[in-house]
């Protein structure tokens, strides 16, 4: 199987890979933080990109890699004591040789670590293993003789198993010369404290509506200016792409429609939704459906706590349903509690391979029970 046909753990299906994404929207503060350190000649050997999934952490990591590998190392001093140049952008021309080599995955100074493919099954592993880190050791040994900068991206660092994390920690404790490590992390609390302490953090935030629209247009998403898409994706381009690809907007509309008839929810409609989630090959849609239920309950809780439904509406008639089911803070607490219970029940059900349709109907039942309480 060639590199072009292997699945990539760091690519959102239907979207360009982060190495192929030219512009990064909505994260100017994080970019400025890196450039400030670079211009002051305080380039840290390890950086931790944190923030919600899908807001551009991997894109920033590849932008930094492209910048570092394409920017000559300033020797300092010189005959006339020339000052190093300063930079106000990470932009590198797409015609630059480094940009071409990165796209072709042939840049000798670049090494990317993601969940690798199990050769026996042809599927991605669940974790980054110590063998993946051993590949980094070989890369650093071989590339040291060539000189120049080297950049390592780990995406996502949260996915390292214990042995892999300990192997990477040894490299962070004794960083190789002219090597910059960029760790992408959706949940930094899952990393070893010793790994976090050896990295400088760049925190990325959810995108505002205009930046979201621009980022989705760049990724080739349809209906990229739909207010419902922005509402349900919570400022995450990656999540918006998943919603678009798997029909998330229609799915959420069905959930709102089912509970619009409370106290007697539309059971045939719920059964149809459950059966669709249980269809063979619909695992990704089922996972998204569970996320949509979580989102619905979160928006219910917020409505009760604040007294007003979140804006913009994520489905037709949503505001009326939310206000009717969560009229006060007391009800908001009930919805928050049931959200935790449902999440725990569904994740346990997945772990023991319960029927997806049964899990969906159980979720509908629990929400109905709380509404009637």
Protein backbone atom coordinates (compact mmCIF):
# COMPACT_ATOMS: atom_id res chain seq x y z
CA UNK A 1 0.00 0.00 0.00
CA UNK A 2 1.52 3.36 -1.02
CA UNK A 3 1.77 6.42 1.20
CA UNK A 4 -0.96 8.08 -0.87
CA UNK A 5 -3.50 5.34 -0.12
CA UNK A 6 -2.76 4.83 3.57
CA UNK A 7 -5.28 6.38 6.00
CA UNK A 8 -3.98 9.45 7.83
CA UNK A 9 -4.86 9.88 11.49
CA UNK A 10 -4.27 13.65 11.32
CA UNK A 11 -6.61 14.34 8.39
CA UNK A 12 -10.30 15.22 8.74
CA UNK A 13 -12.12 13.20 6.10
CA UNK A 14 -13.27 15.42 3.26
CA UNK A 15 -10.93 18.28 4.20
CA UNK A 16 -7.40 19.20 3.10
CA UNK A 17 -4.55 17.90 5.27
CA UNK A 18 -3.04 20.58 7.56
CA UNK A 19 0.18 20.51 5.51
CA UNK A 20 -1.94 21.46 2.47
CA UNK A 21 -3.70 24.37 4.20
CA UNK A 22 -2.12 27.69 3.30
CA UNK A 23 -3.93 30.08 5.63
CA UNK A 24 -4.84 29.87 9.30
CA UNK A 25 -7.85 31.91 10.38
CA UNK A 26 -8.66 33.27 13.81
CA UNK A 27 -5.40 32.36 15.56
CA UNK A 28 -3.31 35.49 15.09
CA UNK A 29 -2.52 35.69 18.81
CA UNK A 30 -0.95 32.22 18.85
CA UNK A 31 1.07 32.98 15.71
CA UNK A 32 2.23 36.26 17.22
CA UNK A 33 3.33 34.45 20.39
CA UNK A 34 5.59 32.15 18.41
CA UNK A 35 7.02 34.95 16.26
CA UNK A 36 7.75 37.06 19.31
CA UNK A 37 9.93 34.28 20.72
CA UNK A 38 11.58 33.64 17.35
CA UNK A 39 12.39 37.32 16.72
CA UNK A 40 13.82 37.67 20.23
CA UNK A 41 16.08 34.65 19.60
CA UNK A 42 14.29 32.71 22.35
CA UNK A 43 13.06 29.84 20.20
CA UNK A 44 12.03 27.11 22.61
CA UNK A 45 12.89 23.53 21.66
CA UNK A 46 9.34 22.24 22.28
CA UNK A 47 5.92 23.84 21.78
CA UNK A 48 2.55 22.55 22.89
CA UNK A 49 -0.41 23.54 20.71
CA UNK A 50 -3.56 23.33 22.87
CA UNK A 51 -7.23 24.11 22.36
CA UNK A 52 -10.45 22.41 21.26
CA UNK A 53 -10.30 19.82 18.51
CA UNK A 54 -10.53 21.28 14.99
CA UNK A 55 -9.61 24.94 15.64
CA UNK A 56 -6.33 24.88 13.68
CA UNK A 57 -3.67 23.44 16.00
CA UNK A 58 -2.24 21.08 13.40
CA UNK A 59 -2.44 23.76 10.72
CA UNK A 60 -0.42 26.09 12.97
CA UNK A 61 2.13 23.34 13.60
CA UNK A 62 2.65 22.80 9.86
CA UNK A 63 2.86 26.58 9.29
CA UNK A 64 5.58 26.80 11.93
CA UNK A 65 7.39 23.83 10.41
CA UNK A 66 7.27 25.37 6.92
CA UNK A 67 8.51 28.70 8.30
CA UNK A 68 11.41 27.22 10.26
CA UNK A 69 12.59 24.96 7.46
CA UNK A 70 12.36 27.69 4.83
CA UNK A 71 13.97 30.47 6.89
CA UNK A 72 17.79 30.48 6.89
CA UNK A 73 19.49 30.24 10.25
CA UNK A 74 21.03 33.59 11.14
CA UNK A 75 24.67 33.07 12.04
CA UNK A 76 24.85 36.26 14.12
CA UNK A 77 27.70 38.73 14.42
CA UNK A 78 29.21 39.00 10.97
CA UNK A 79 31.75 41.53 9.79
CA UNK A 80 29.46 44.46 10.50
CA UNK A 81 27.49 42.91 13.34
CA UNK A 82 24.32 42.53 11.26
CA UNK A 83 21.15 42.22 13.30
CA UNK A 84 18.98 39.19 12.53
CA UNK A 85 15.88 39.91 10.43
CA UNK A 86 12.51 40.11 12.16
CA UNK A 87 9.31 38.54 10.87
CA UNK A 88 5.67 39.52 11.33
CA UNK A 89 4.14 36.50 9.57
CA UNK A 90 4.65 32.77 9.24
CA UNK A 91 3.66 32.91 5.57
CA UNK A 92 5.94 31.08 3.16
CA UNK A 93 5.35 31.21 -0.59
CA UNK A 94 3.72 28.02 -1.89
CA UNK A 95 6.36 28.13 -4.64
CA UNK A 96 9.19 27.78 -2.11
CA UNK A 97 11.10 24.48 -2.49
CA UNK A 98 10.42 23.60 1.16
CA UNK A 99 6.69 24.04 0.60
CA UNK A 100 6.87 21.70 -2.39
CA UNK A 101 8.86 19.09 -0.45
CA UNK A 102 6.48 19.19 2.50
CA UNK A 103 3.50 18.60 0.22
CA UNK A 104 5.36 15.71 -1.39
CA UNK A 105 6.36 14.39 2.06
CA UNK A 106 9.99 14.42 0.93
CA UNK A 107 11.44 17.19 3.15
CA UNK A 108 14.53 15.69 4.87
CA UNK A 109 14.26 18.03 7.86
CA UNK A 110 10.65 17.09 8.70
CA UNK A 111 9.32 14.17 10.73
CA UNK A 112 5.63 13.71 11.61
CA UNK A 113 4.35 11.27 14.22
CA UNK A 114 0.71 10.16 14.18
CA UNK A 115 -1.13 6.94 14.91
CA UNK A 116 0.33 4.48 12.44
CA UNK A 117 -1.33 1.76 10.40
CA UNK A 118 -1.42 -1.78 11.74
CA UNK A 119 0.13 -3.81 8.91
CA UNK A 120 -1.95 -6.88 9.81
CA UNK A 121 -5.35 -5.16 9.70
CA UNK A 122 -4.63 -2.22 7.40
CA UNK A 123 -6.39 0.03 9.94
CA UNK A 124 -5.11 2.87 12.09
CA UNK A 125 -3.97 1.93 15.55
CA UNK A 126 -5.81 3.40 18.55
CA UNK A 127 -2.61 4.88 20.00
CA UNK A 128 0.81 6.20 19.07
CA UNK A 129 3.21 3.42 20.05
CA UNK A 130 6.81 3.35 21.18
CA UNK A 131 7.80 2.01 17.73
CA UNK A 132 6.61 5.31 16.22
CA UNK A 133 8.92 7.18 18.60
CA UNK A 134 11.81 4.87 17.75
CA UNK A 135 11.38 6.01 14.17
CA UNK A 136 12.01 9.55 15.41
CA UNK A 137 15.28 8.43 17.02
CA UNK A 138 16.45 7.06 13.67
CA UNK A 139 15.41 10.30 11.90
CA UNK A 140 17.34 12.49 14.33
CA UNK A 141 20.43 10.31 14.03
CA UNK A 142 20.39 10.29 10.23
CA UNK A 143 19.51 13.95 9.71
CA UNK A 144 22.08 15.29 12.19
CA UNK A 145 24.87 14.72 9.67
CA UNK A 146 23.10 16.91 7.10
CA UNK A 147 22.95 19.98 9.35
CA UNK A 148 20.20 22.58 9.22
CA UNK A 149 16.98 22.73 11.19
CA UNK A 150 14.82 19.75 11.95
CA UNK A 151 11.15 19.88 12.91
CA UNK A 152 9.06 17.17 14.55
CA UNK A 153 5.24 17.24 14.76
CA UNK A 154 3.36 14.89 17.11
CA UNK A 155 -0.37 14.85 16.30
CA UNK A 156 -1.96 14.22 18.64
CA UNK A 157 0.30 13.89 21.66
CA UNK A 158 -2.75 12.86 23.73
CA UNK A 159 -2.79 9.60 21.76
CA UNK A 160 0.63 8.34 22.92
CA UNK A 161 0.61 5.25 25.09
CA UNK A 162 2.71 5.20 28.25
CA UNK A 163 5.82 3.76 26.64
CA UNK A 164 5.67 6.20 23.75
CA UNK A 165 5.21 9.15 26.13
CA UNK A 166 8.22 8.11 28.20
CA UNK A 167 10.35 7.68 25.09
CA UNK A 168 9.42 11.16 23.86
CA UNK A 169 10.07 12.62 27.32
CA UNK A 170 13.70 11.49 27.15
CA UNK A 171 14.15 13.48 23.94
CA UNK A 172 12.49 16.53 25.48
CA UNK A 173 14.83 16.29 28.47
CA UNK A 174 17.89 16.19 26.19
CA UNK A 175 16.75 18.16 23.12
CA UNK A 176 18.85 17.64 19.98
CA UNK A 177 20.50 20.76 18.55
CA UNK A 178 18.55 22.77 15.96
CA UNK A 179 15.45 20.60 16.51
CA UNK A 180 12.01 22.03 17.25
CA UNK A 181 9.26 19.71 18.49
CA UNK A 182 5.63 20.70 17.98
CA UNK A 183 3.08 18.76 20.01
CA UNK A 184 -0.62 19.01 19.13
CA UNK A 185 -2.88 18.35 22.12
CA UNK A 186 -6.68 18.38 22.35
CA UNK A 187 -6.60 17.39 26.04
CA UNK A 188 -3.27 18.46 27.61
CA UNK A 189 -4.42 17.12 31.00
CA UNK A 190 -3.89 13.63 29.55
CA UNK A 191 -0.19 14.30 28.97
CA UNK A 192 2.53 13.54 31.48
CA UNK A 193 3.11 16.65 33.66
CA UNK A 194 6.81 16.34 32.88
CA UNK A 195 6.06 16.59 29.15
CA UNK A 196 3.88 19.67 29.66
CA UNK A 197 6.51 21.33 31.83
CA UNK A 198 9.15 21.03 29.10
CA UNK A 199 7.01 22.69 26.44
CA UNK A 200 6.00 26.27 25.86
CA UNK A 201 2.26 26.48 25.30
CA UNK A 202 0.46 28.13 22.41
CA UNK A 203 -3.25 28.22 23.21
CA UNK A 204 -5.71 28.30 20.31
CA UNK A 205 -9.35 29.35 20.74
CA UNK A 206 -12.66 28.62 18.97
CA UNK A 207 -13.18 30.65 15.80
CA UNK A 208 -15.56 33.58 15.51
CA UNK A 209 -18.29 33.41 12.86
CA UNK A 210 -16.42 35.33 10.11
CA UNK A 211 -13.21 33.34 10.58
CA UNK A 212 -15.22 30.11 10.60
CA UNK A 213 -16.87 30.99 7.30
CA UNK A 214 -13.51 31.82 5.70
CA UNK A 215 -11.85 28.66 7.02
CA UNK A 216 -14.70 26.45 5.81
CA UNK A 217 -14.60 28.08 2.38
CA UNK A 218 -10.86 27.34 2.19
CA UNK A 219 -11.57 23.71 3.13
CA UNK A 220 -14.18 23.45 0.38
CA UNK A 221 -17.20 23.00 2.67
CA UNK A 222 -20.66 23.65 1.25
CA UNK A 223 -23.11 25.95 3.09
CA UNK A 224 -20.13 27.33 4.99
CA UNK A 225 -22.06 30.42 6.08
CA UNK A 226 -25.01 28.50 7.61
CA UNK A 227 -25.61 29.94 11.12
CA UNK A 228 -26.69 26.49 12.35
CA UNK A 229 -23.33 25.05 11.33
CA UNK A 230 -21.50 27.70 13.35
CA UNK A 231 -23.80 27.09 16.33
CA UNK A 232 -23.30 23.32 16.43
CA UNK A 233 -19.57 23.26 15.69
CA UNK A 234 -18.67 25.61 18.58
CA UNK A 235 -16.01 27.41 16.56
CA UNK A 236 -14.30 24.21 15.38
CA UNK A 237 -13.62 23.90 11.66
CA UNK A 238 -12.92 20.19 12.04
CA UNK A 239 -16.27 19.62 13.75
CA UNK A 240 -18.05 21.69 11.11
CA UNK A 241 -16.53 19.52 8.39
CA UNK A 242 -17.70 16.40 10.20
CA UNK A 243 -21.21 17.83 10.52
CA UNK A 244 -21.29 18.69 6.83
CA UNK A 245 -19.98 15.31 5.69
CA UNK A 246 -22.25 13.18 7.90
CA UNK A 247 -25.45 15.21 7.71
CA UNK A 248 -25.21 16.58 11.24
CA UNK A 249 -27.53 19.55 10.64
CA UNK A 250 -30.34 17.27 9.46
CA UNK A 251 -29.64 14.92 12.38
CA UNK A 252 -29.95 17.72 14.93
CA UNK A 253 -33.16 18.93 13.26
CA UNK A 254 -34.60 15.43 13.78
CA UNK A 255 -33.67 15.49 17.48
CA UNK A 256 -35.38 18.87 17.96
CA UNK A 257 -38.39 17.61 16.01
CA UNK A 258 -38.69 14.50 18.17
CA UNK A 259 -38.86 16.52 21.38
CA UNK A 260 -40.99 19.31 19.97
CA UNK A 261 -44.08 17.16 20.66
CA UNK A 262 -43.37 16.69 24.38
CA UNK A 263 -44.84 15.31 26.60
CA UNK A 264 -45.47 12.67 23.91
CA UNK A 265 -42.32 12.50 21.76
CA UNK A 266 -42.63 11.29 18.20
CA UNK A 267 -41.72 7.63 18.77
CA UNK A 268 -41.85 6.50 15.10
CA UNK A 269 -39.49 9.36 14.25
CA UNK A 270 -37.18 8.34 17.11
CA UNK A 271 -37.25 4.71 15.97
CA UNK A 272 -36.33 5.74 12.43
CA UNK A 273 -33.42 7.78 13.76
CA UNK A 274 -32.30 4.85 15.91
CA UNK A 275 -32.46 2.39 13.02
CA UNK A 276 -30.41 4.71 10.80
CA UNK A 277 -27.75 4.87 13.51
CA UNK A 278 -27.68 1.06 13.76
CA UNK A 279 -27.17 0.49 10.03
CA UNK A 280 -24.10 -1.45 8.94
CA UNK A 281 -21.18 0.87 8.21
CA UNK A 282 -22.84 3.81 10.01
CA UNK A 283 -20.44 3.88 12.96
CA UNK A 284 -19.36 7.46 12.27
CA UNK A 285 -22.97 8.64 12.01
CA UNK A 286 -23.80 6.88 15.26
CA UNK A 287 -20.90 8.59 17.01
CA UNK A 288 -22.06 11.94 15.63
CA UNK A 289 -25.63 11.23 16.77
CA UNK A 290 -24.42 10.74 20.33
CA UNK A 291 -22.57 14.06 20.05
CA UNK A 292 -25.76 15.75 18.81
CA UNK A 293 -27.68 14.46 21.84
CA UNK A 294 -24.93 15.85 24.09
CA UNK A 295 -25.18 19.18 22.28
CA UNK A 296 -28.97 19.28 22.61
CA UNK A 297 -28.76 18.65 26.37
CA UNK A 298 -26.00 21.25 26.78
CA UNK A 299 -28.11 23.87 24.99
CA UNK A 300 -31.08 22.90 27.18
CA UNK A 301 -29.02 23.42 30.32
CA UNK A 302 -27.72 26.77 29.08
CA UNK A 303 -31.23 27.94 28.27
CA UNK A 304 -32.50 27.15 31.75
CA UNK A 305 -29.48 28.70 33.44
CA UNK A 306 -29.54 31.97 31.47
CA UNK A 307 -33.25 32.28 30.76
CA UNK A 308 -32.70 32.68 27.01
CA UNK A 309 -31.92 30.09 24.31
CA UNK A 310 -28.49 30.17 22.64
CA UNK A 311 -28.23 32.14 19.42
CA UNK A 312 -28.27 31.51 16.58
CA UNK A 313 -30.82 28.71 16.43
CA UNK A 314 -29.28 25.40 15.40
CA UNK A 315 -32.58 24.05 14.01
CA UNK A 316 -36.01 25.34 13.09
CA UNK A 317 -38.17 25.76 16.18
CA UNK A 318 -35.28 25.02 18.52
CA UNK A 319 -35.68 28.16 20.66
CA UNK A 320 -39.31 27.36 21.50
CA UNK A 321 -38.46 23.74 22.42
CA UNK A 322 -35.53 24.76 24.61
CA UNK A 323 -37.51 27.39 26.51
CA UNK A 324 -40.43 25.04 27.08
CA UNK A 325 -38.28 22.17 28.36
CA UNK A 326 -35.87 24.34 30.40
CA UNK A 327 -37.88 27.27 31.81
CA UNK A 328 -35.76 27.90 34.92
CA UNK A 329 -32.40 27.22 36.64
CA UNK A 330 -33.86 24.29 38.59
CA UNK A 331 -34.67 22.52 35.33
CA UNK A 332 -31.26 23.47 33.99
CA UNK A 333 -29.62 21.52 36.83
CA UNK A 334 -31.80 18.51 36.04
CA UNK A 335 -30.75 18.62 32.39
CA UNK A 336 -27.08 18.95 33.34
CA UNK A 337 -27.36 15.90 35.61
CA UNK A 338 -29.15 13.79 33.01
CA UNK A 339 -26.58 14.82 30.40
CA UNK A 340 -23.82 13.30 32.54
CA UNK A 341 -25.87 10.16 33.14
CA UNK A 342 -26.71 9.70 29.45
CA UNK A 343 -23.12 10.25 28.39
CA UNK A 344 -21.93 7.64 30.87
CA UNK A 345 -24.61 5.15 29.79
CA UNK A 346 -23.96 5.53 26.07
CA UNK A 347 -20.17 5.31 26.38
CA UNK A 348 -20.54 2.18 28.52
CA UNK A 349 -22.98 0.77 25.98
CA UNK A 350 -20.45 1.35 23.22
CA UNK A 351 -17.70 -0.30 25.26
CA UNK A 352 -19.74 -3.51 25.68
CA UNK A 353 -21.09 -3.40 22.09
CA UNK A 354 -24.75 -2.86 22.89
CA UNK A 355 -27.10 -2.42 19.96
CA UNK A 356 -26.79 1.20 18.71
CA UNK A 357 -30.55 1.45 18.10
CA UNK A 358 -31.25 0.38 21.67
CA UNK A 359 -28.82 3.02 22.96
CA UNK A 360 -30.53 5.74 20.95
CA UNK A 361 -34.00 4.74 22.14
CA UNK A 362 -32.74 4.57 25.73
CA UNK A 363 -31.41 8.12 25.35
CA UNK A 364 -34.77 9.33 24.02
CA UNK A 365 -36.52 7.60 26.94
CA UNK A 366 -34.25 9.22 29.55
CA UNK A 367 -34.75 12.68 28.05
CA UNK A 368 -38.52 12.13 27.97
CA UNK A 369 -38.49 10.96 31.58
CA UNK A 370 -36.64 14.10 32.68
CA UNK A 371 -38.99 16.36 30.71
CA UNK A 372 -42.00 14.83 32.42
CA UNK A 373 -40.46 14.90 35.89
